[in-house]
């Protein structure tokens, strides 16, 4: 019997270490066991990631949160960025930043940059319905390294962002009650660290399908201490995203897993989270029904109290686990 068990343990281990032969196909992936996974970059191109690849410690010494760039967009400059520099008050005073407006901060994920499609998608949604400051964080200097190195660097990127926001509000003006942080994939964990660096004072933090690989049980992951109200939208749970409820309110559209309606690959399902969010900022039309647990949310069999998913309401509140039904194409 012991030999039988050992034999199948070796088979499972080999399967977990095997290189998947079909691009974009993550059907082989087992959370916490598999070595390889396909991940998309900002252009939707898939890359095979080795989750055992060594961290580049030397690169982390030169590419870290100090390299963050902060790009401001407002209704006066909706598509042309103005670069704000931490500690440089004139860079802010000479920009269109206004302290009496709410502040939205958007953070991209791995192998993305400030120009990646999710950033103008969400920025334009906010500016269409609200007169706000939008800061897009470009941390591509580190985000475009190997995945494990980027994961290791997330806490510092987040702390530096939190320090920048504290400097901005304390020296130029603003109000934490009007601050909303939004992060996609690895960016969700970046805003988690930023919120904690600011002692949980941001009014709202939204995690868009927070990255799953290497984040199960990771103390640096997004959690409820990042802000007064932390919300997560899960769209590719147990593969590219975390399935566990880690916010005050967690939404599981269409079961929270692949395949999302209209998606053939996990990479599409993962990317649905920022698309769902941008759509709700414009229309606030996706309604969640409260569930007793994540299992029921996965089955989408919930009929509890209603809470709208996403939207741009900075002082939003709520708690619990929610199932949501969406359409298969914009605006869902």
C-alpha atoms as a PDB file:
ATOM      1  CA  UNK A   1       0.000   0.000   0.000  1.00  0.00           C
ATOM      2  CA  UNK A   2       2.845   2.420   0.865  1.00  0.00           C
ATOM      3  CA  UNK A   3       4.510   1.654  -2.471  1.00  0.00           C
ATOM      4  CA  UNK A   4       1.181   2.334  -4.254  1.00  0.00           C
ATOM      5  CA  UNK A   5       0.801   5.720  -2.536  1.00  0.00           C
ATOM      6  CA  UNK A   6       4.423   6.642  -3.199  1.00  0.00           C
ATOM      7  CA  UNK A   7       4.044   5.752  -6.888  1.00  0.00           C
ATOM      8  CA  UNK A   8       1.070   8.037  -7.387  1.00  0.00           C
ATOM      9  CA  UNK A   9       2.758  10.799  -5.367  1.00  0.00           C
ATOM     10  CA  UNK A  10       5.672  10.716  -7.814  1.00  0.00           C
ATOM     11  CA  UNK A  11       3.240  10.799 -10.755  1.00  0.00           C
ATOM     12  CA  UNK A  12       1.457  13.859  -9.293  1.00  0.00           C
ATOM     13  CA  UNK A  13       4.778  15.603  -8.631  1.00  0.00           C
ATOM     14  CA  UNK A  14       5.961  15.004 -12.178  1.00  0.00           C
ATOM     15  CA  UNK A  15       2.660  16.246 -13.557  1.00  0.00           C
ATOM     16  CA  UNK A  16       2.956  19.421 -11.489  1.00  0.00           C
ATOM     17  CA  UNK A  17       6.481  20.018 -12.829  1.00  0.00           C
ATOM     18  CA  UNK A  18       5.639  19.263 -16.454  1.00  0.00           C
ATOM     19  CA  UNK A  19       5.783  22.089 -18.992  1.00  0.00           C
ATOM     20  CA  UNK A  20       2.232  22.589 -20.348  1.00  0.00           C
ATOM     21  CA  UNK A  21       2.291  21.957 -24.105  1.00  0.00           C
ATOM     22  CA  UNK A  22      -0.624  24.168 -25.182  1.00  0.00           C
ATOM     23  CA  UNK A  23      -0.220  27.969 -24.994  1.00  0.00           C
ATOM     24  CA  UNK A  24      -2.860  29.703 -22.827  1.00  0.00           C
ATOM     25  CA  UNK A  25      -4.117  26.347 -21.485  1.00  0.00           C
ATOM     26  CA  UNK A  26      -3.943  26.373 -17.690  1.00  0.00           C
ATOM     27  CA  UNK A  27      -6.166  23.326 -17.232  1.00  0.00           C
ATOM     28  CA  UNK A  28      -3.109  21.515 -15.850  1.00  0.00           C
ATOM     29  CA  UNK A  29      -2.620  24.052 -13.065  1.00  0.00           C
ATOM     30  CA  UNK A  30      -3.095  23.031  -9.438  1.00  0.00           C
ATOM     31  CA  UNK A  31      -2.762  25.835  -6.918  1.00  0.00           C
ATOM     32  CA  UNK A  32       0.275  25.374  -4.683  1.00  0.00           C
ATOM     33  CA  UNK A  33       1.554  22.359  -6.651  1.00  0.00           C
ATOM     34  CA  UNK A  34       2.144  23.245 -10.289  1.00  0.00           C
ATOM     35  CA  UNK A  35       5.441  24.723 -11.359  1.00  0.00           C
ATOM     36  CA  UNK A  36       4.324  26.367 -14.601  1.00  0.00           C
ATOM     37  CA  UNK A  37       1.450  28.663 -15.513  1.00  0.00           C
ATOM     38  CA  UNK A  38       0.553  30.824 -18.506  1.00  0.00           C
ATOM     39  CA  UNK A  39       0.206  34.537 -17.709  1.00  0.00           C
ATOM     40  CA  UNK A  40      -0.699  37.431 -20.018  1.00  0.00           C
ATOM     41  CA  UNK A  41       1.169  40.698 -20.440  1.00  0.00           C
ATOM     42  CA  UNK A  42      -0.482  44.051 -20.981  1.00  0.00           C
ATOM     43  CA  UNK A  43      -1.001  43.353 -24.677  1.00  0.00           C
ATOM     44  CA  UNK A  44      -2.724  40.032 -24.031  1.00  0.00           C
ATOM     45  CA  UNK A  45       0.321  37.993 -25.119  1.00  0.00           C
ATOM     46  CA  UNK A  46       0.775  34.887 -22.981  1.00  0.00           C
ATOM     47  CA  UNK A  47       4.057  33.965 -21.303  1.00  0.00           C
ATOM     48  CA  UNK A  48       4.985  30.694 -19.641  1.00  0.00           C
ATOM     49  CA  UNK A  49       5.949  31.485 -16.043  1.00  0.00           C
ATOM     50  CA  UNK A  50       8.195  29.209 -13.981  1.00  0.00           C
ATOM     51  CA  UNK A  51       7.015  29.582 -10.382  1.00  0.00           C
ATOM     52  CA  UNK A  52      10.334  28.066  -9.224  1.00  0.00           C
ATOM     53  CA  UNK A  53      12.442  30.669 -11.054  1.00  0.00           C
ATOM     54  CA  UNK A  54      14.973  32.289  -8.701  1.00  0.00           C
ATOM     55  CA  UNK A  55      14.357  35.845  -7.524  1.00  0.00           C
ATOM     56  CA  UNK A  56      16.791  38.336  -9.059  1.00  0.00           C
ATOM     57  CA  UNK A  57      18.087  39.937  -5.868  1.00  0.00           C
ATOM     58  CA  UNK A  58      20.463  42.255  -7.726  1.00  0.00           C
ATOM     59  CA  UNK A  59      17.637  43.637  -9.865  1.00  0.00           C
ATOM     60  CA  UNK A  60      15.574  44.295  -6.738  1.00  0.00           C
ATOM     61  CA  UNK A  61      18.341  46.570  -5.496  1.00  0.00           C
ATOM     62  CA  UNK A  62      18.028  48.789  -8.551  1.00  0.00           C
ATOM     63  CA  UNK A  63      14.371  48.350  -9.560  1.00  0.00           C
ATOM     64  CA  UNK A  64      11.969  48.854  -6.678  1.00  0.00           C
ATOM     65  CA  UNK A  65       9.340  51.231  -5.359  1.00  0.00           C
ATOM     66  CA  UNK A  66      11.700  54.194  -5.756  1.00  0.00           C
ATOM     67  CA  UNK A  67      11.188  53.801  -9.523  1.00  0.00           C
ATOM     68  CA  UNK A  68       7.419  54.271  -9.307  1.00  0.00           C
ATOM     69  CA  UNK A  69       6.029  56.895 -11.658  1.00  0.00           C
ATOM     70  CA  UNK A  70       2.840  58.794 -10.840  1.00  0.00           C
ATOM     71  CA  UNK A  71       0.823  60.004 -13.828  1.00  0.00           C
ATOM     72  CA  UNK A  72      -1.996  62.472 -13.225  1.00  0.00           C
ATOM     73  CA  UNK A  73      -5.109  62.639 -15.412  1.00  0.00           C
ATOM     74  CA  UNK A  74      -8.053  65.010 -14.922  1.00  0.00           C
ATOM     75  CA  UNK A  75     -10.898  66.334 -17.036  1.00  0.00           C
ATOM     76  CA  UNK A  76      -8.487  69.067 -18.157  1.00  0.00           C
ATOM     77  CA  UNK A  77      -5.967  66.459 -19.374  1.00  0.00           C
ATOM     78  CA  UNK A  78      -7.926  63.217 -19.810  1.00  0.00           C
ATOM     79  CA  UNK A  79      -5.380  61.525 -22.098  1.00  0.00           C
ATOM     80  CA  UNK A  80      -2.115  63.468 -21.662  1.00  0.00           C
ATOM     81  CA  UNK A  81      -0.350  62.552 -18.446  1.00  0.00           C
ATOM     82  CA  UNK A  82       1.253  65.000 -16.071  1.00  0.00           C
ATOM     83  CA  UNK A  83       4.096  63.438 -14.074  1.00  0.00           C
ATOM     84  CA  UNK A  84       4.040  64.021 -10.315  1.00  0.00           C
ATOM     85  CA  UNK A  85       7.260  63.437  -8.384  1.00  0.00           C
ATOM     86  CA  UNK A  86       7.447  62.400  -4.755  1.00  0.00           C
ATOM     87  CA  UNK A  87       8.892  65.259  -2.711  1.00  0.00           C
ATOM     88  CA  UNK A  88       8.692  67.746  -5.598  1.00  0.00           C
ATOM     89  CA  UNK A  89       5.893  70.123  -4.624  1.00  0.00           C
ATOM     90  CA  UNK A  90       6.243  72.144  -7.822  1.00  0.00           C
ATOM     91  CA  UNK A  91       5.507  69.097  -9.959  1.00  0.00           C
ATOM     92  CA  UNK A  92       2.102  68.969  -8.259  1.00  0.00           C
ATOM     93  CA  UNK A  93       1.447  72.710  -8.018  1.00  0.00           C
ATOM     94  CA  UNK A  94       2.157  73.094 -11.742  1.00  0.00           C
ATOM     95  CA  UNK A  95      -0.247  70.272 -12.596  1.00  0.00           C
ATOM     96  CA  UNK A  96      -4.034  70.010 -12.737  1.00  0.00           C
ATOM     97  CA  UNK A  97      -4.172  68.308  -9.331  1.00  0.00           C
ATOM     98  CA  UNK A  98      -6.806  69.879  -7.082  1.00  0.00           C
ATOM     99  CA  UNK A  99      -6.913  69.013  -3.395  1.00  0.00           C
ATOM    100  CA  UNK A 100     -10.681  69.469  -3.154  1.00  0.00           C
ATOM    101  CA  UNK A 101     -11.348  66.656  -5.641  1.00  0.00           C
ATOM    102  CA  UNK A 102     -11.563  62.969  -4.822  1.00  0.00           C
ATOM    103  CA  UNK A 103      -8.463  60.959  -5.715  1.00  0.00           C
ATOM    104  CA  UNK A 104      -8.517  57.678  -7.647  1.00  0.00           C
ATOM    105  CA  UNK A 105      -5.279  55.673  -7.842  1.00  0.00           C
ATOM    106  CA  UNK A 106      -4.932  52.842 -10.400  1.00  0.00           C
ATOM    107  CA  UNK A 107      -2.181  50.194 -10.266  1.00  0.00           C
ATOM    108  CA  UNK A 108      -1.419  47.667 -13.036  1.00  0.00           C
ATOM    109  CA  UNK A 109      -0.205  44.092 -12.711  1.00  0.00           C
ATOM    110  CA  UNK A 110       2.718  41.940 -13.867  1.00  0.00           C
ATOM    111  CA  UNK A 111       4.304  42.598 -17.268  1.00  0.00           C
ATOM    112  CA  UNK A 112       2.104  45.683 -17.662  1.00  0.00           C
ATOM    113  CA  UNK A 113       2.820  49.415 -17.575  1.00  0.00           C
ATOM    114  CA  UNK A 114       1.011  52.718 -17.190  1.00  0.00           C
ATOM    115  CA  UNK A 115      -0.179  52.616 -20.804  1.00  0.00           C
ATOM    116  CA  UNK A 116      -1.686  49.139 -20.550  1.00  0.00           C
ATOM    117  CA  UNK A 117      -5.294  49.109 -21.739  1.00  0.00           C
ATOM    118  CA  UNK A 118      -6.861  48.728 -18.268  1.00  0.00           C
ATOM    119  CA  UNK A 119      -5.496  52.139 -17.220  1.00  0.00           C
ATOM    120  CA  UNK A 120      -7.182  54.325 -19.865  1.00  0.00           C
ATOM    121  CA  UNK A 121     -10.275  52.094 -19.631  1.00  0.00           C
ATOM    122  CA  UNK A 122     -10.747  52.806 -15.913  1.00  0.00           C
ATOM    123  CA  UNK A 123      -9.443  56.383 -16.098  1.00  0.00           C
ATOM    124  CA  UNK A 124     -11.897  57.360 -18.839  1.00  0.00           C
ATOM    125  CA  UNK A 125     -14.750  55.700 -16.921  1.00  0.00           C
ATOM    126  CA  UNK A 126     -14.025  57.784 -13.813  1.00  0.00           C
ATOM    127  CA  UNK A 127     -13.601  61.042 -15.711  1.00  0.00           C
ATOM    128  CA  UNK A 128     -16.815  60.433 -17.651  1.00  0.00           C
ATOM    129  CA  UNK A 129     -18.911  60.467 -14.483  1.00  0.00           C
ATOM    130  CA  UNK A 130     -16.850  62.284 -11.832  1.00  0.00           C
ATOM    131  CA  UNK A 131     -14.648  65.378 -11.653  1.00  0.00           C
ATOM    132  CA  UNK A 132     -11.716  63.686  -9.910  1.00  0.00           C
ATOM    133  CA  UNK A 133      -7.945  63.404  -9.836  1.00  0.00           C
ATOM    134  CA  UNK A 134      -6.810  60.088 -11.315  1.00  0.00           C
ATOM    135  CA  UNK A 135      -3.256  58.906 -10.667  1.00  0.00           C
ATOM    136  CA  UNK A 136      -2.019  55.963 -12.706  1.00  0.00           C
ATOM    137  CA  UNK A 137       0.967  54.272 -11.070  1.00  0.00           C
ATOM    138  CA  UNK A 138       3.573  52.956 -13.498  1.00  0.00           C
ATOM    139  CA  UNK A 139       5.809  50.416 -11.730  1.00  0.00           C
ATOM    140  CA  UNK A 140       6.913  48.725 -14.961  1.00  0.00           C
ATOM    141  CA  UNK A 141      10.616  48.973 -14.043  1.00  0.00           C
ATOM    142  CA  UNK A 142       9.988  46.063 -11.673  1.00  0.00           C
ATOM    143  CA  UNK A 143       6.723  44.637 -13.014  1.00  0.00           C
ATOM    144  CA  UNK A 144       8.482  43.610 -16.232  1.00  0.00           C
ATOM    145  CA  UNK A 145      10.999  41.386 -14.462  1.00  0.00           C
ATOM    146  CA  UNK A 146      10.401  37.658 -13.948  1.00  0.00           C
ATOM    147  CA  UNK A 147       7.204  36.948 -12.023  1.00  0.00           C
ATOM    148  CA  UNK A 148       8.824  35.787  -8.773  1.00  0.00           C
ATOM    149  CA  UNK A 149      11.045  38.874  -8.657  1.00  0.00           C
ATOM    150  CA  UNK A 150       8.024  41.120  -9.227  1.00  0.00           C
ATOM    151  CA  UNK A 151       6.158  39.303  -6.434  1.00  0.00           C
ATOM    152  CA  UNK A 152       9.047  39.881  -4.035  1.00  0.00           C
ATOM    153  CA  UNK A 153       9.127  43.566  -4.935  1.00  0.00           C
ATOM    154  CA  UNK A 154       5.408  44.221  -4.448  1.00  0.00           C
ATOM    155  CA  UNK A 155       5.625  45.216  -0.743  1.00  0.00           C
ATOM    156  CA  UNK A 156       8.207  47.934  -1.420  1.00  0.00           C
ATOM    157  CA  UNK A 157       6.303  49.228  -4.454  1.00  0.00           C
ATOM    158  CA  UNK A 158       3.207  49.468  -2.267  1.00  0.00           C
ATOM    159  CA  UNK A 159       4.989  51.124   0.656  1.00  0.00           C
ATOM    160  CA  UNK A 160       6.503  53.720  -1.651  1.00  0.00           C
ATOM    161  CA  UNK A 161       3.054  54.421  -3.099  1.00  0.00           C
ATOM    162  CA  UNK A 162       1.615  54.795   0.392  1.00  0.00           C
ATOM    163  CA  UNK A 163       4.439  57.163   1.345  1.00  0.00           C
ATOM    164  CA  UNK A 164       3.879  59.232  -1.807  1.00  0.00           C
ATOM    165  CA  UNK A 165       0.168  59.591  -1.082  1.00  0.00           C
ATOM    166  CA  UNK A 166       0.875  60.578   2.520  1.00  0.00           C
ATOM    167  CA  UNK A 167       3.339  63.215   1.310  1.00  0.00           C
ATOM    168  CA  UNK A 168       0.865  64.469  -1.296  1.00  0.00           C
ATOM    169  CA  UNK A 169      -2.019  64.836   1.139  1.00  0.00           C
ATOM    170  CA  UNK A 170       0.061  66.233   4.007  1.00  0.00           C
ATOM    171  CA  UNK A 171       1.991  68.766   1.919  1.00  0.00           C
ATOM    172  CA  UNK A 172      -0.195  69.680  -1.044  1.00  0.00           C
ATOM    173  CA  UNK A 173      -3.656  68.858   0.243  1.00  0.00           C
ATOM    174  CA  UNK A 174      -6.355  66.262  -0.015  1.00  0.00           C
ATOM    175  CA  UNK A 175      -8.446  64.096   2.262  1.00  0.00           C
ATOM    176  CA  UNK A 176      -8.087  60.381   2.981  1.00  0.00           C
ATOM    177  CA  UNK A 177     -11.890  60.224   3.102  1.00  0.00           C
ATOM    178  CA  UNK A 178     -11.795  60.875  -0.657  1.00  0.00           C
ATOM    179  CA  UNK A 179      -9.063  58.370  -1.587  1.00  0.00           C
ATOM    180  CA  UNK A 180      -9.909  55.220  -3.578  1.00  0.00           C
ATOM    181  CA  UNK A 181      -7.128  52.757  -4.509  1.00  0.00           C
ATOM    182  CA  UNK A 182      -7.712  50.276  -7.338  1.00  0.00           C
ATOM    183  CA  UNK A 183      -5.264  47.491  -8.254  1.00  0.00           C
ATOM    184  CA  UNK A 184      -5.392  44.630 -10.753  1.00  0.00           C
ATOM    185  CA  UNK A 185      -3.703  41.225 -10.228  1.00  0.00           C
ATOM    186  CA  UNK A 186      -0.287  41.940  -8.633  1.00  0.00           C
ATOM    187  CA  UNK A 187      -1.429  45.561  -8.475  1.00  0.00           C
ATOM    188  CA  UNK A 188      -4.143  44.516  -6.026  1.00  0.00           C
ATOM    189  CA  UNK A 189      -1.445  43.432  -3.586  1.00  0.00           C
ATOM    190  CA  UNK A 190       0.461  46.669  -4.305  1.00  0.00           C
ATOM    191  CA  UNK A 191      -2.541  48.766  -3.192  1.00  0.00           C
ATOM    192  CA  UNK A 192      -2.942  46.487  -0.186  1.00  0.00           C
ATOM    193  CA  UNK A 193       0.577  47.355   0.930  1.00  0.00           C
ATOM    194  CA  UNK A 194       0.025  51.027   0.092  1.00  0.00           C
ATOM    195  CA  UNK A 195      -3.109  51.148   2.224  1.00  0.00           C
ATOM    196  CA  UNK A 196      -1.373  49.486   5.156  1.00  0.00           C
ATOM    197  CA  UNK A 197       1.607  51.869   4.804  1.00  0.00           C
ATOM    198  CA  UNK A 198      -0.942  54.672   5.219  1.00  0.00           C
ATOM    199  CA  UNK A 199      -2.319  52.972   8.365  1.00  0.00           C
ATOM    200  CA  UNK A 200      -5.496  51.824   6.609  1.00  0.00           C
ATOM    201  CA  UNK A 201      -6.743  55.383   6.143  1.00  0.00           C
ATOM    202  CA  UNK A 202      -7.819  55.221   2.447  1.00  0.00           C
ATOM    203  CA  UNK A 203     -11.601  55.341   2.333  1.00  0.00           C
ATOM    204  CA  UNK A 204     -11.821  52.522  -0.199  1.00  0.00           C
ATOM    205  CA  UNK A 205      -9.559  49.873  -1.727  1.00  0.00           C
ATOM    206  CA  UNK A 206     -10.619  47.701  -4.672  1.00  0.00           C
ATOM    207  CA  UNK A 207      -8.745  44.535  -5.651  1.00  0.00           C
ATOM    208  CA  UNK A 208      -9.459  43.369  -9.205  1.00  0.00           C
ATOM    209  CA  UNK A 209      -8.882  39.606  -9.328  1.00  0.00           C
ATOM    210  CA  UNK A 210      -5.915  39.781  -6.905  1.00  0.00           C
ATOM    211  CA  UNK A 211      -3.062  37.615  -8.190  1.00  0.00           C
ATOM    212  CA  UNK A 212      -3.142  34.027  -6.939  1.00  0.00           C
ATOM    213  CA  UNK A 213       0.202  32.296  -7.699  1.00  0.00           C
ATOM    214  CA  UNK A 214       2.635  32.770  -4.776  1.00  0.00           C
ATOM    215  CA  UNK A 215       0.021  34.659  -2.732  1.00  0.00           C
ATOM    216  CA  UNK A 216      -1.804  31.935  -0.830  1.00  0.00           C
ATOM    217  CA  UNK A 217      -0.960  32.483   2.842  1.00  0.00           C
ATOM    218  CA  UNK A 218       1.332  35.397   1.930  1.00  0.00           C
ATOM    219  CA  UNK A 219       1.240  38.028   4.694  1.00  0.00           C
ATOM    220  CA  UNK A 220       1.925  40.739   2.104  1.00  0.00           C
ATOM    221  CA  UNK A 221      -1.301  40.004   0.210  1.00  0.00           C
ATOM    222  CA  UNK A 222      -4.213  42.420   0.071  1.00  0.00           C
ATOM    223  CA  UNK A 223      -6.353  42.171   3.201  1.00  0.00           C
ATOM    224  CA  UNK A 224      -8.985  44.061   5.173  1.00  0.00           C
ATOM    225  CA  UNK A 225      -6.412  46.270   6.911  1.00  0.00           C
ATOM    226  CA  UNK A 226      -5.655  48.181   3.696  1.00  0.00           C
ATOM    227  CA  UNK A 227      -8.575  50.598   3.965  1.00  0.00           C
ATOM    228  CA  UNK A 228     -11.849  51.415   5.665  1.00  0.00           C
ATOM    229  CA  UNK A 229     -13.715  49.428   3.012  1.00  0.00           C
ATOM    230  CA  UNK A 230     -11.873  46.764   1.008  1.00  0.00           C
ATOM    231  CA  UNK A 231     -13.656  45.121  -1.909  1.00  0.00           C
ATOM    232  CA  UNK A 232     -12.475  42.320  -4.187  1.00  0.00           C
ATOM    233  CA  UNK A 233     -13.824  41.167  -7.546  1.00  0.00           C
ATOM    234  CA  UNK A 234     -12.783  37.565  -8.279  1.00  0.00           C
ATOM    235  CA  UNK A 235     -12.924  36.357 -11.893  1.00  0.00           C
ATOM    236  CA  UNK A 236     -10.258  33.629 -12.258  1.00  0.00           C
ATOM    237  CA  UNK A 237     -10.092  32.085  -8.800  1.00  0.00           C
ATOM    238  CA  UNK A 238      -7.675  29.202  -8.134  1.00  0.00           C
ATOM    239  CA  UNK A 239      -5.722  29.890 -11.331  1.00  0.00           C
ATOM    240  CA  UNK A 240      -4.466  33.433 -12.006  1.00  0.00           C
ATOM    241  CA  UNK A 241      -6.493  34.917  -9.153  1.00  0.00           C
ATOM    242  CA  UNK A 242      -7.172  34.255  -5.469  1.00  0.00           C
ATOM    243  CA  UNK A 243     -10.466  32.516  -4.685  1.00  0.00           C
ATOM    244  CA  UNK A 244     -10.419  33.187  -0.937  1.00  0.00           C
ATOM    245  CA  UNK A 245     -12.535  36.042   0.393  1.00  0.00           C
ATOM    246  CA  UNK A 246      -9.951  38.565   1.624  1.00  0.00           C
ATOM    247  CA  UNK A 247     -11.908  41.840   1.679  1.00  0.00           C
ATOM    248  CA  UNK A 248     -14.764  43.269   3.673  1.00  0.00           C
ATOM    249  CA  UNK A 249     -16.906  42.445   0.633  1.00  0.00           C
ATOM    250  CA  UNK A 250     -15.950  39.871  -2.002  1.00  0.00           C
ATOM    251  CA  UNK A 251     -17.798  39.518  -5.305  1.00  0.00           C
ATOM    252  CA  UNK A 252     -17.740  36.347  -7.405  1.00  0.00           C
ATOM    253  CA  UNK A 253     -19.211  37.214 -10.819  1.00  0.00           C
ATOM    254  CA  UNK A 254     -20.377  34.105 -12.676  1.00  0.00           C
ATOM    255  CA  UNK A 255     -18.907  31.892  -9.956  1.00  0.00           C
ATOM    256  CA  UNK A 256     -15.636  33.812  -9.676  1.00  0.00           C
ATOM    257  CA  UNK A 257     -13.795  31.317 -11.862  1.00  0.00           C
ATOM    258  CA  UNK A 258     -12.917  30.506 -15.453  1.00  0.00           C
ATOM    259  CA  UNK A 259     -14.627  30.486 -17.843  1.00  0.00           C
ATOM    260  CA  UNK A 260     -16.219  33.890 -17.553  1.00  0.00           C
ATOM    261  CA  UNK A 261     -18.976  34.378 -20.157  1.00  0.00           C
ATOM    262  CA  UNK A 262     -17.406  35.065 -23.534  1.00  0.00           C
ATOM    263  CA  UNK A 263     -13.946  33.802 -22.471  1.00  0.00           C
ATOM    264  CA  UNK A 264     -12.099  30.829 -23.920  1.00  0.00           C
ATOM    265  CA  UNK A 265      -8.900  31.184 -21.848  1.00  0.00           C
ATOM    266  CA  UNK A 266      -8.014  31.946 -18.227  1.00  0.00           C
ATOM    267  CA  UNK A 267      -6.193  35.050 -19.330  1.00  0.00           C
ATOM    268  CA  UNK A 268      -9.500  36.450 -20.617  1.00  0.00           C
ATOM    269  CA  UNK A 269     -11.322  35.532 -17.398  1.00  0.00           C
ATOM    270  CA  UNK A 270      -8.582  37.189 -15.327  1.00  0.00           C
ATOM    271  CA  UNK A 271      -8.853  40.348 -17.404  1.00  0.00           C
ATOM    272  CA  UNK A 272     -12.619  40.535 -16.983  1.00  0.00           C
ATOM    273  CA  UNK A 273     -12.206  42.061 -13.500  1.00  0.00           C
ATOM    274  CA  UNK A 274     -10.971  45.504 -14.660  1.00  0.00           C
ATOM    275  CA  UNK A 275     -13.546  45.438 -17.482  1.00  0.00           C
ATOM    276  CA  UNK A 276     -16.393  44.689 -15.088  1.00  0.00           C
ATOM    277  CA  UNK A 277     -15.157  47.415 -12.763  1.00  0.00           C
ATOM    278  CA  UNK A 278     -14.854  50.085 -15.465  1.00  0.00           C
ATOM    279  CA  UNK A 279     -18.358  49.292 -16.657  1.00  0.00           C
ATOM    280  CA  UNK A 280     -19.801  49.608 -13.148  1.00  0.00           C
ATOM    281  CA  UNK A 281     -18.065  52.958 -12.638  1.00  0.00           C
ATOM    282  CA  UNK A 282     -20.040  54.240 -15.617  1.00  0.00           C
ATOM    283  CA  UNK A 283     -23.401  52.588 -14.899  1.00  0.00           C
ATOM    284  CA  UNK A 284     -23.407  50.949 -11.426  1.00  0.00           C
ATOM    285  CA  UNK A 285     -25.647  48.218 -12.810  1.00  0.00           C
ATOM    286  CA  UNK A 286     -24.194  44.894 -11.564  1.00  0.00           C
ATOM    287  CA  UNK A 287     -25.966  43.697  -8.425  1.00  0.00           C
ATOM    288  CA  UNK A 288     -24.592  41.047  -6.074  1.00  0.00           C
ATOM    289  CA  UNK A 289     -26.679  38.751  -3.889  1.00  0.00           C
ATOM    290  CA  UNK A 290     -25.233  37.767  -0.540  1.00  0.00           C
ATOM    291  CA  UNK A 291     -24.054  34.176  -0.038  1.00  0.00           C
ATOM    292  CA  UNK A 292     -23.403  32.173   3.142  1.00  0.00           C
ATOM    293  CA  UNK A 293     -19.984  31.047   1.872  1.00  0.00           C
ATOM    294  CA  UNK A 294     -17.621  31.005  -1.134  1.00  0.00           C
ATOM    295  CA  UNK A 295     -18.896  27.589  -2.248  1.00  0.00           C
ATOM    296  CA  UNK A 296     -22.411  28.956  -2.712  1.00  0.00           C
ATOM    297  CA  UNK A 297     -20.984  31.986  -4.534  1.00  0.00           C
ATOM    298  CA  UNK A 298     -19.144  29.642  -6.886  1.00  0.00           C
ATOM    299  CA  UNK A 299     -22.425  27.908  -7.653  1.00  0.00           C
ATOM    300  CA  UNK A 300     -24.191  31.291  -8.041  1.00  0.00           C
ATOM    301  CA  UNK A 301     -27.125  29.983  -6.008  1.00  0.00           C
ATOM    302  CA  UNK A 302     -27.372  32.936  -3.612  1.00  0.00           C
ATOM    303  CA  UNK A 303     -30.457  35.028  -2.897  1.00  0.00           C
ATOM    304  CA  UNK A 304     -29.448  37.106   0.121  1.00  0.00           C
ATOM    305  CA  UNK A 305     -29.266  40.876   0.529  1.00  0.00           C
ATOM    306  CA  UNK A 306     -28.184  42.992  -2.420  1.00  0.00           C
ATOM    307  CA  UNK A 307     -24.960  44.991  -2.769  1.00  0.00           C
ATOM    308  CA  UNK A 308     -23.816  46.554  -6.029  1.00  0.00           C
ATOM    309  CA  UNK A 309     -20.452  45.349  -7.321  1.00  0.00           C
ATOM    310  CA  UNK A 310     -17.757  47.869  -8.147  1.00  0.00           C
ATOM    311  CA  UNK A 311     -18.762  51.480  -8.978  1.00  0.00           C
ATOM    312  CA  UNK A 312     -16.898  54.666  -8.088  1.00  0.00           C
ATOM    313  CA  UNK A 313     -18.582  55.612  -4.807  1.00  0.00           C
ATOM    314  CA  UNK A 314     -15.659  56.509  -2.565  1.00  0.00           C
ATOM    315  CA  UNK A 315     -17.532  56.129   0.732  1.00  0.00           C
ATOM    316  CA  UNK A 316     -19.087  52.795  -0.199  1.00  0.00           C
ATOM    317  CA  UNK A 317     -19.586  50.281   2.602  1.00  0.00           C
ATOM    318  CA  UNK A 318     -20.716  46.704   3.008  1.00  0.00           C
ATOM    319  CA  UNK A 319     -19.559  43.266   4.026  1.00  0.00           C
ATOM    320  CA  UNK A 320     -19.985  39.648   3.022  1.00  0.00           C
ATOM    321  CA  UNK A 321     -19.680  37.306   0.050  1.00  0.00           C
ATOM    322  CA  UNK A 322     -21.711  38.004  -3.100  1.00  0.00           C
ATOM    323  CA  UNK A 323     -22.620  36.210  -6.309  1.00  0.00           C
ATOM    324  CA  UNK A 324     -23.170  38.284  -9.456  1.00  0.00           C
ATOM    325  CA  UNK A 325     -24.476  37.433 -12.916  1.00  0.00           C
ATOM    326  CA  UNK A 326     -23.110  39.332 -15.912  1.00  0.00           C
ATOM    327  CA  UNK A 327     -23.416  39.331 -19.666  1.00  0.00           C
ATOM    328  CA  UNK A 328     -20.689  38.094 -22.005  1.00  0.00           C
ATOM    329  CA  UNK A 329     -19.721  41.415 -23.622  1.00  0.00           C
ATOM    330  CA  UNK A 330     -19.434  45.105 -22.708  1.00  0.00           C
ATOM    331  CA  UNK A 331     -21.162  46.616 -20.782  1.00  0.00           C
ATOM    332  CA  UNK A 332     -21.900  43.149 -19.314  1.00  0.00           C
END
